[in-house]
Amino acid sequence: MDNRPNHTIYINNLNEKIKKEDLKKSLYAIFSQFGQILDIVALKTLKMRGQAFVIFKEIGSATNALRSMQGFPFYDKPMRIAYSKTDSDLIAKMKGTFTERPKKAPMDRKKGKKGKSGGAAAGAGAMGGAGAGMGGGASMQGVDNAPPNQILFLTNLPQETNEMMLSMLFNQFPGFKEVRLVPGRHDIAFVEFENELQSAAARDALQGFKITPTTAMKISFAKK
């Protein structure tokens, strides 16, 4: 019954109360660790609520994502993930409407077939553009030599970073307690764990993680 492996994974059982843009950013944050994402499709129509498609550049990335994130608690609901049907007409239609007129997607569904070939490239451009120009100048110096402790200091975060996105990334590690953003600064944050061994494991795993395609997060121990 399972669909054959392909570049696109289909996710359902998503929290329907989350805004579409926040949902897409959070999905990108947790799935980009598996490989390059060409596009994420999420529509808030009655038929498509609580569902999304993540299109990877490589099939292997989609396979790893499906295996690793199956049942992952995403906004308090376990994700259900499967391979999308290959060359699904629904995907073609949705990608066309998504790239051309995202706010009027239900009305323009007939136009969707035009966007089949260009949709992924347009989506990749939009994703790539989201983080462009934000990578420089955000790093802070003098924290790399802080002694190990339970609090991590994050720098070089892109402008669209929010507390929920960071929580999604770090709560997969044992001992996670909380994320603290700094008022007036989008580029830095603190993440607290129960002890320094747990914080070190998260630091090593997520060091250099790209929240957007152009911005690699820097993680060090916080100064006390």
C-alpha atoms as a PDB file:
ATOM      1  CA  MET A   1       0.000   0.000   0.000  1.00  0.00           C
ATOM      2  CA  ASP A   2       2.854   2.390   0.676  1.00  0.00           C
ATOM      3  CA  ASN A   3       3.819   4.773  -2.100  1.00  0.00           C
ATOM      4  CA  ARG A   4       7.240   4.285  -3.678  1.00  0.00           C
ATOM      5  CA  PRO A   5      10.081   6.531  -2.481  1.00  0.00           C
ATOM      6  CA  ASN A   6      10.248   9.872  -4.261  1.00  0.00           C
ATOM      7  CA  HIS A   7      11.351  13.444  -3.681  1.00  0.00           C
ATOM      8  CA  THR A   8       8.165  14.577  -1.965  1.00  0.00           C
ATOM      9  CA  ILE A   9       6.880  13.589   1.456  1.00  0.00           C
ATOM     10  CA  TYR A  10       3.265  14.071   2.489  1.00  0.00           C
ATOM     11  CA  ILE A  11       2.590  15.086   6.096  1.00  0.00           C
ATOM     12  CA  ASN A  12      -0.758  15.117   7.850  1.00  0.00           C
ATOM     13  CA  ASN A  13      -2.166  15.388  11.371  1.00  0.00           C
ATOM     14  CA  LEU A  14      -0.675  18.890  11.578  1.00  0.00           C
ATOM     15  CA  ASN A  15      -2.059  21.455  14.005  1.00  0.00           C
ATOM     16  CA  GLU A  16      -4.734  23.343  12.057  1.00  0.00           C
ATOM     17  CA  LYS A  17      -4.559  26.421  14.296  1.00  0.00           C
ATOM     18  CA  ILE A  18      -1.060  27.376  13.131  1.00  0.00           C
ATOM     19  CA  LYS A  19      -0.860  30.140  10.505  1.00  0.00           C
ATOM     20  CA  LYS A  20       0.299  28.950   7.086  1.00  0.00           C
ATOM     21  CA  GLU A  21       3.483  31.044   7.016  1.00  0.00           C
ATOM     22  CA  ASP A  22       4.478  29.976  10.540  1.00  0.00           C
ATOM     23  CA  LEU A  23       3.758  26.361   9.636  1.00  0.00           C
ATOM     24  CA  LYS A  24       5.984  26.515   6.551  1.00  0.00           C
ATOM     25  CA  LYS A  25       8.846  28.214   8.409  1.00  0.00           C
ATOM     26  CA  SER A  26       8.707  25.625  11.185  1.00  0.00           C
ATOM     27  CA  LEU A  27       8.575  22.727   8.727  1.00  0.00           C
ATOM     28  CA  TYR A  28      11.572  24.177   6.924  1.00  0.00           C
ATOM     29  CA  ALA A  29      13.440  24.561  10.212  1.00  0.00           C
ATOM     30  CA  ILE A  30      13.083  20.913  11.201  1.00  0.00           C
ATOM     31  CA  PHE A  31      13.324  19.261   7.766  1.00  0.00           C
ATOM     32  CA  SER A  32      16.223  21.207   6.209  1.00  0.00           C
ATOM     33  CA  GLN A  33      18.642  19.162   8.345  1.00  0.00           C
ATOM     34  CA  PHE A  34      17.991  16.217   5.981  1.00  0.00           C
ATOM     35  CA  GLY A  35      18.938  17.969   2.738  1.00  0.00           C
ATOM     36  CA  GLN A  36      18.096  20.757   0.335  1.00  0.00           C
ATOM     37  CA  ILE A  37      14.391  21.603   0.237  1.00  0.00           C
ATOM     38  CA  LEU A  38      13.022  22.864  -3.072  1.00  0.00           C
ATOM     39  CA  ASP A  39       9.624  23.838  -1.779  1.00  0.00           C
ATOM     40  CA  ILE A  40       7.063  23.403   0.976  1.00  0.00           C
ATOM     41  CA  VAL A  41       3.395  23.401   0.032  1.00  0.00           C
ATOM     42  CA  ALA A  42       0.763  24.050   2.682  1.00  0.00           C
ATOM     43  CA  LEU A  43      -2.732  25.275   1.922  1.00  0.00           C
ATOM     44  CA  LYS A  44      -5.359  26.355   4.427  1.00  0.00           C
ATOM     45  CA  THR A  45      -8.348  25.310   2.322  1.00  0.00           C
ATOM     46  CA  LEU A  46     -10.966  23.191   4.053  1.00  0.00           C
ATOM     47  CA  LYS A  47      -9.877  20.067   2.170  1.00  0.00           C
ATOM     48  CA  MET A  48      -6.140  20.544   2.775  1.00  0.00           C
ATOM     49  CA  ARG A  49      -6.058  21.763   6.383  1.00  0.00           C
ATOM     50  CA  GLY A  50      -3.623  19.972   8.648  1.00  0.00           C
ATOM     51  CA  GLN A  51      -1.581  18.706   5.682  1.00  0.00           C
ATOM     52  CA  ALA A  52       1.611  19.733   3.897  1.00  0.00           C
ATOM     53  CA  PHE A  53       4.076  18.546   1.281  1.00  0.00           C
ATOM     54  CA  VAL A  54       7.857  18.918   1.573  1.00  0.00           C
ATOM     55  CA  ILE A  55       9.747  18.574  -1.718  1.00  0.00           C
ATOM     56  CA  PHE A  56      13.424  17.605  -1.399  1.00  0.00           C
ATOM     57  CA  LYS A  57      16.076  17.848  -4.094  1.00  0.00           C
ATOM     58  CA  GLU A  58      17.264  14.286  -3.361  1.00  0.00           C
ATOM     59  CA  ILE A  59      15.176  11.163  -2.776  1.00  0.00           C
ATOM     60  CA  GLY A  60      17.593  10.072  -0.040  1.00  0.00           C
ATOM     61  CA  SER A  61      16.814  13.239   1.894  1.00  0.00           C
ATOM     62  CA  ALA A  62      13.099  12.493   1.732  1.00  0.00           C
ATOM     63  CA  THR A  63      13.706   8.930   2.917  1.00  0.00           C
ATOM     64  CA  ASN A  64      15.811  10.035   5.891  1.00  0.00           C
ATOM     65  CA  ALA A  65      13.266  12.694   6.809  1.00  0.00           C
ATOM     66  CA  LEU A  66      10.389  10.211   6.705  1.00  0.00           C
ATOM     67  CA  ARG A  67      12.198   7.680   8.896  1.00  0.00           C
ATOM     68  CA  SER A  68      13.586  10.188  11.385  1.00  0.00           C
ATOM     69  CA  MET A  69      10.563  12.447  11.844  1.00  0.00           C
ATOM     70  CA  GLN A  70       7.714   9.905  11.786  1.00  0.00           C
ATOM     71  CA  GLY A  71       5.584  10.624  14.849  1.00  0.00           C
ATOM     72  CA  PHE A  72       7.653  13.700  15.800  1.00  0.00           C
ATOM     73  CA  PRO A  73       5.595  15.953  18.137  1.00  0.00           C
ATOM     74  CA  PHE A  74       5.060  19.065  16.002  1.00  0.00           C
ATOM     75  CA  TYR A  75       3.008  21.800  17.690  1.00  0.00           C
ATOM     76  CA  ASP A  76       1.810  19.156  20.176  1.00  0.00           C
ATOM     77  CA  LYS A  77       0.575  16.706  17.530  1.00  0.00           C
ATOM     78  CA  PRO A  78       2.541  13.680  16.212  1.00  0.00           C
ATOM     79  CA  MET A  79       3.282  14.030  12.512  1.00  0.00           C
ATOM     80  CA  ARG A  80       2.164  11.288  10.137  1.00  0.00           C
ATOM     81  CA  ILE A  81       4.501  11.111   7.136  1.00  0.00           C
ATOM     82  CA  ALA A  82       4.344   9.143   3.888  1.00  0.00           C
ATOM     83  CA  TYR A  83       5.807   9.436   0.405  1.00  0.00           C
ATOM     84  CA  SER A  84       3.630  11.485  -1.891  1.00  0.00           C
ATOM     85  CA  LYS A  85       2.181   9.782  -4.963  1.00  0.00           C
ATOM     86  CA  THR A  86       4.677  10.204  -7.812  1.00  0.00           C
ATOM     87  CA  ASP A  87       3.788  13.005 -10.226  1.00  0.00           C
ATOM     88  CA  SER A  88       0.575  13.633  -8.350  1.00  0.00           C
ATOM     89  CA  ASP A  89      -1.815  15.936 -10.180  1.00  0.00           C
ATOM     90  CA  LEU A  90      -2.656  17.437  -6.810  1.00  0.00           C
ATOM     91  CA  ILE A  91       0.957  18.450  -6.268  1.00  0.00           C
ATOM     92  CA  ALA A  92       1.180  19.989  -9.734  1.00  0.00           C
ATOM     93  CA  LYS A  93      -2.015  21.935  -9.209  1.00  0.00           C
ATOM     94  CA  MET A  94      -1.115  23.030  -5.724  1.00  0.00           C
ATOM     95  CA  LYS A  95       2.370  24.113  -6.697  1.00  0.00           C
ATOM     96  CA  GLY A  96       0.999  26.149  -9.556  1.00  0.00           C
ATOM     97  CA  THR A  97      -1.511  27.936  -7.400  1.00  0.00           C
ATOM     98  CA  PHE A  98       0.982  28.350  -4.589  1.00  0.00           C
ATOM     99  CA  THR A  99       3.636  30.048  -6.688  1.00  0.00           C
ATOM    100  CA  GLU A 100       1.295  32.207  -8.751  1.00  0.00           C
ATOM    101  CA  ARG A 101      -1.341  33.399  -6.332  1.00  0.00           C
ATOM    102  CA  PRO A 102      -0.928  32.048  -2.820  1.00  0.00           C
ATOM    103  CA  LYS A 103      -3.757  34.138  -1.336  1.00  0.00           C
ATOM    104  CA  LYS A 104      -6.337  32.988  -3.865  1.00  0.00           C
ATOM    105  CA  ALA A 105      -5.266  29.378  -4.225  1.00  0.00           C
ATOM    106  CA  PRO A 106      -8.738  27.777  -4.045  1.00  0.00           C
ATOM    107  CA  MET A 107     -10.103  30.008  -6.851  1.00  0.00           C
ATOM    108  CA  ASP A 108      -7.200  29.475  -9.259  1.00  0.00           C
ATOM    109  CA  ARG A 109      -6.808  25.726  -9.033  1.00  0.00           C
ATOM    110  CA  LYS A 110      -7.497  25.223 -12.769  1.00  0.00           C
ATOM    111  CA  LYS A 111      -4.405  27.226 -13.657  1.00  0.00           C
ATOM    112  CA  GLY A 112      -2.202  24.962 -11.605  1.00  0.00           C
ATOM    113  CA  LYS A 113      -0.998  22.643 -14.382  1.00  0.00           C
ATOM    114  CA  LYS A 114       0.971  25.469 -15.942  1.00  0.00           C
ATOM    115  CA  GLY A 115       3.139  25.714 -12.879  1.00  0.00           C
ATOM    116  CA  LYS A 116       4.254  22.098 -12.781  1.00  0.00           C
ATOM    117  CA  SER A 117       7.748  22.638 -14.157  1.00  0.00           C
ATOM    118  CA  GLY A 118       8.384  26.135 -12.866  1.00  0.00           C
ATOM    119  CA  GLY A 119       6.903  25.702  -9.416  1.00  0.00           C
ATOM    120  CA  ALA A 120       9.859  24.019  -7.750  1.00  0.00           C
ATOM    121  CA  ALA A 121      12.341  26.518  -9.117  1.00  0.00           C
ATOM    122  CA  ALA A 122      10.169  29.440  -8.062  1.00  0.00           C
ATOM    123  CA  GLY A 123       9.714  27.929  -4.643  1.00  0.00           C
ATOM    124  CA  ALA A 124      13.429  27.349  -4.286  1.00  0.00           C
ATOM    125  CA  GLY A 125      14.064  30.956  -5.230  1.00  0.00           C
ATOM    126  CA  ALA A 126      11.594  32.165  -2.649  1.00  0.00           C
ATOM    127  CA  MET A 127      13.145  29.961   0.009  1.00  0.00           C
ATOM    128  CA  GLY A 128      16.646  31.017  -0.926  1.00  0.00           C
ATOM    129  CA  GLY A 129      15.677  34.671  -0.926  1.00  0.00           C
ATOM    130  CA  ALA A 130      14.212  34.481   2.544  1.00  0.00           C
ATOM    131  CA  GLY A 131      17.600  34.362   4.202  1.00  0.00           C
ATOM    132  CA  ALA A 132      19.602  36.347   1.668  1.00  0.00           C
ATOM    133  CA  GLY A 133      21.620  39.208   3.039  1.00  0.00           C
ATOM    134  CA  MET A 134      21.122  38.211   6.647  1.00  0.00           C
ATOM    135  CA  GLY A 135      24.184  36.044   7.133  1.00  0.00           C
ATOM    136  CA  GLY A 136      26.797  38.713   7.788  1.00  0.00           C
ATOM    137  CA  GLY A 137      27.658  40.714  10.846  1.00  0.00           C
ATOM    138  CA  ALA A 138      25.494  38.832  13.325  1.00  0.00           C
ATOM    139  CA  SER A 139      28.160  36.706  14.949  1.00  0.00           C
ATOM    140  CA  MET A 140      29.477  37.668  18.380  1.00  0.00           C
ATOM    141  CA  GLN A 141      32.972  36.989  19.562  1.00  0.00           C
ATOM    142  CA  GLY A 142      34.478  36.002  22.856  1.00  0.00           C
ATOM    143  CA  VAL A 143      31.953  33.326  23.807  1.00  0.00           C
ATOM    144  CA  ASP A 144      33.584  30.247  22.295  1.00  0.00           C
ATOM    145  CA  ASN A 145      35.929  29.910  25.261  1.00  0.00           C
ATOM    146  CA  ALA A 146      33.184  29.938  27.909  1.00  0.00           C
ATOM    147  CA  PRO A 147      33.333  26.827  30.134  1.00  0.00           C
ATOM    148  CA  PRO A 148      30.697  24.129  29.467  1.00  0.00           C
ATOM    149  CA  ASN A 149      27.377  24.776  31.184  1.00  0.00           C
ATOM    150  CA  GLN A 150      23.706  24.005  30.656  1.00  0.00           C
ATOM    151  CA  ILE A 151      22.919  27.186  28.679  1.00  0.00           C
ATOM    152  CA  LEU A 152      23.725  27.566  24.982  1.00  0.00           C
ATOM    153  CA  PHE A 153      24.227  30.899  23.246  1.00  0.00           C
ATOM    154  CA  LEU A 154      23.009  31.060  19.629  1.00  0.00           C
ATOM    155  CA  THR A 155      24.217  33.677  17.151  1.00  0.00           C
ATOM    156  CA  ASN A 156      23.845  34.417  13.453  1.00  0.00           C
ATOM    157  CA  LEU A 157      20.111  33.688  13.504  1.00  0.00           C
ATOM    158  CA  PRO A 158      18.038  34.930  10.526  1.00  0.00           C
ATOM    159  CA  GLN A 159      15.385  37.589  10.924  1.00  0.00           C
ATOM    160  CA  GLU A 160      12.465  35.163  10.677  1.00  0.00           C
ATOM    161  CA  THR A 161      13.625  33.147  13.695  1.00  0.00           C
ATOM    162  CA  ASN A 162      11.031  32.783  16.429  1.00  0.00           C
ATOM    163  CA  GLU A 163      10.794  30.958  19.730  1.00  0.00           C
ATOM    164  CA  MET A 164       8.658  28.132  18.317  1.00  0.00           C
ATOM    165  CA  MET A 165      11.117  27.384  15.486  1.00  0.00           C
ATOM    166  CA  LEU A 166      14.037  27.121  17.911  1.00  0.00           C
ATOM    167  CA  SER A 167      12.001  25.021  20.331  1.00  0.00           C
ATOM    168  CA  MET A 168      11.184  22.602  17.499  1.00  0.00           C
ATOM    169  CA  LEU A 169      14.885  22.200  16.765  1.00  0.00           C
ATOM    170  CA  PHE A 170      16.126  21.770  20.313  1.00  0.00           C
ATOM    171  CA  ASN A 171      13.306  19.856  22.009  1.00  0.00           C
ATOM    172  CA  GLN A 172      14.324  16.696  20.142  1.00  0.00           C
ATOM    173  CA  PHE A 173      17.305  16.499  22.522  1.00  0.00           C
ATOM    174  CA  PRO A 174      17.020  15.118  26.083  1.00  0.00           C
ATOM    175  CA  GLY A 175      17.015  17.652  28.899  1.00  0.00           C
ATOM    176  CA  PHE A 176      15.638  20.570  26.886  1.00  0.00           C
ATOM    177  CA  LYS A 177      14.050  23.194  29.161  1.00  0.00           C
ATOM    178  CA  GLU A 178      13.403  26.450  27.298  1.00  0.00           C
ATOM    179  CA  VAL A 179      14.360  28.957  24.619  1.00  0.00           C
ATOM    180  CA  ARG A 180      14.880  32.602  25.532  1.00  0.00           C
ATOM    181  CA  LEU A 181      14.948  35.285  22.871  1.00  0.00           C
ATOM    182  CA  VAL A 182      16.587  38.663  23.448  1.00  0.00           C
ATOM    183  CA  PRO A 183      14.158  41.611  23.079  1.00  0.00           C
ATOM    184  CA  GLY A 184      15.105  43.813  20.140  1.00  0.00           C
ATOM    185  CA  ARG A 185      17.589  41.303  18.728  1.00  0.00           C
ATOM    186  CA  HIS A 186      16.507  38.712  16.170  1.00  0.00           C
ATOM    187  CA  ASP A 187      20.016  37.323  15.669  1.00  0.00           C
ATOM    188  CA  ILE A 188      20.765  35.880  19.118  1.00  0.00           C
ATOM    189  CA  ALA A 189      19.019  33.574  21.605  1.00  0.00           C
ATOM    190  CA  PHE A 190      19.665  31.337  24.614  1.00  0.00           C
ATOM    191  CA  VAL A 191      18.648  27.693  25.007  1.00  0.00           C
ATOM    192  CA  GLU A 192      18.678  26.052  28.420  1.00  0.00           C
ATOM    193  CA  PHE A 193      19.097  22.341  29.189  1.00  0.00           C
ATOM    194  CA  GLU A 194      19.089  20.447  32.486  1.00  0.00           C
ATOM    195  CA  ASN A 195      22.861  19.914  32.472  1.00  0.00           C
ATOM    196  CA  GLU A 196      26.002  20.636  30.482  1.00  0.00           C
ATOM    197  CA  LEU A 197      26.257  17.138  28.960  1.00  0.00           C
ATOM    198  CA  GLN A 198      22.842  17.510  27.383  1.00  0.00           C
ATOM    199  CA  SER A 199      23.532  21.040  26.161  1.00  0.00           C
ATOM    200  CA  ALA A 200      26.838  19.876  24.666  1.00  0.00           C
ATOM    201  CA  ALA A 201      25.095  17.091  22.728  1.00  0.00           C
ATOM    202  CA  ALA A 202      22.615  19.553  21.232  1.00  0.00           C
ATOM    203  CA  ARG A 203      25.401  22.015  20.429  1.00  0.00           C
ATOM    204  CA  ASP A 204      27.437  19.391  18.591  1.00  0.00           C
ATOM    205  CA  ALA A 205      24.436  18.107  16.636  1.00  0.00           C
ATOM    206  CA  LEU A 206      23.088  21.506  15.521  1.00  0.00           C
ATOM    207  CA  GLN A 207      26.335  23.451  15.101  1.00  0.00           C
ATOM    208  CA  GLY A 208      26.164  25.177  11.715  1.00  0.00           C
ATOM    209  CA  PHE A 209      22.533  24.176  11.158  1.00  0.00           C
ATOM    210  CA  LYS A 210      20.995  26.326   8.424  1.00  0.00           C
ATOM    211  CA  ILE A 211      17.616  27.733   9.409  1.00  0.00           C
ATOM    212  CA  THR A 212      17.582  29.395   5.982  1.00  0.00           C
ATOM    213  CA  PRO A 213      19.727  28.308   3.019  1.00  0.00           C
ATOM    214  CA  THR A 214      22.221  31.141   3.517  1.00  0.00           C
ATOM    215  CA  THR A 215      22.417  31.469   7.296  1.00  0.00           C
ATOM    216  CA  ALA A 216      24.308  28.938   9.430  1.00  0.00           C
ATOM    217  CA  MET A 217      23.563  29.105  13.146  1.00  0.00           C
ATOM    218  CA  LYS A 218      26.536  29.395  15.520  1.00  0.00           C
ATOM    219  CA  ILE A 219      26.287  27.750  18.943  1.00  0.00           C
ATOM    220  CA  SER A 220      28.528  28.133  21.961  1.00  0.00           C
ATOM    221  CA  PHE A 221      28.200  27.874  25.745  1.00  0.00           C
ATOM    222  CA  ALA A 222      26.826  31.013  27.345  1.00  0.00           C
ATOM    223  CA  LYS A 223      28.967  33.089  29.653  1.00  0.00           C
ATOM    224  CA  LYS A 224      27.775  32.985  33.241  1.00  0.00           C
END
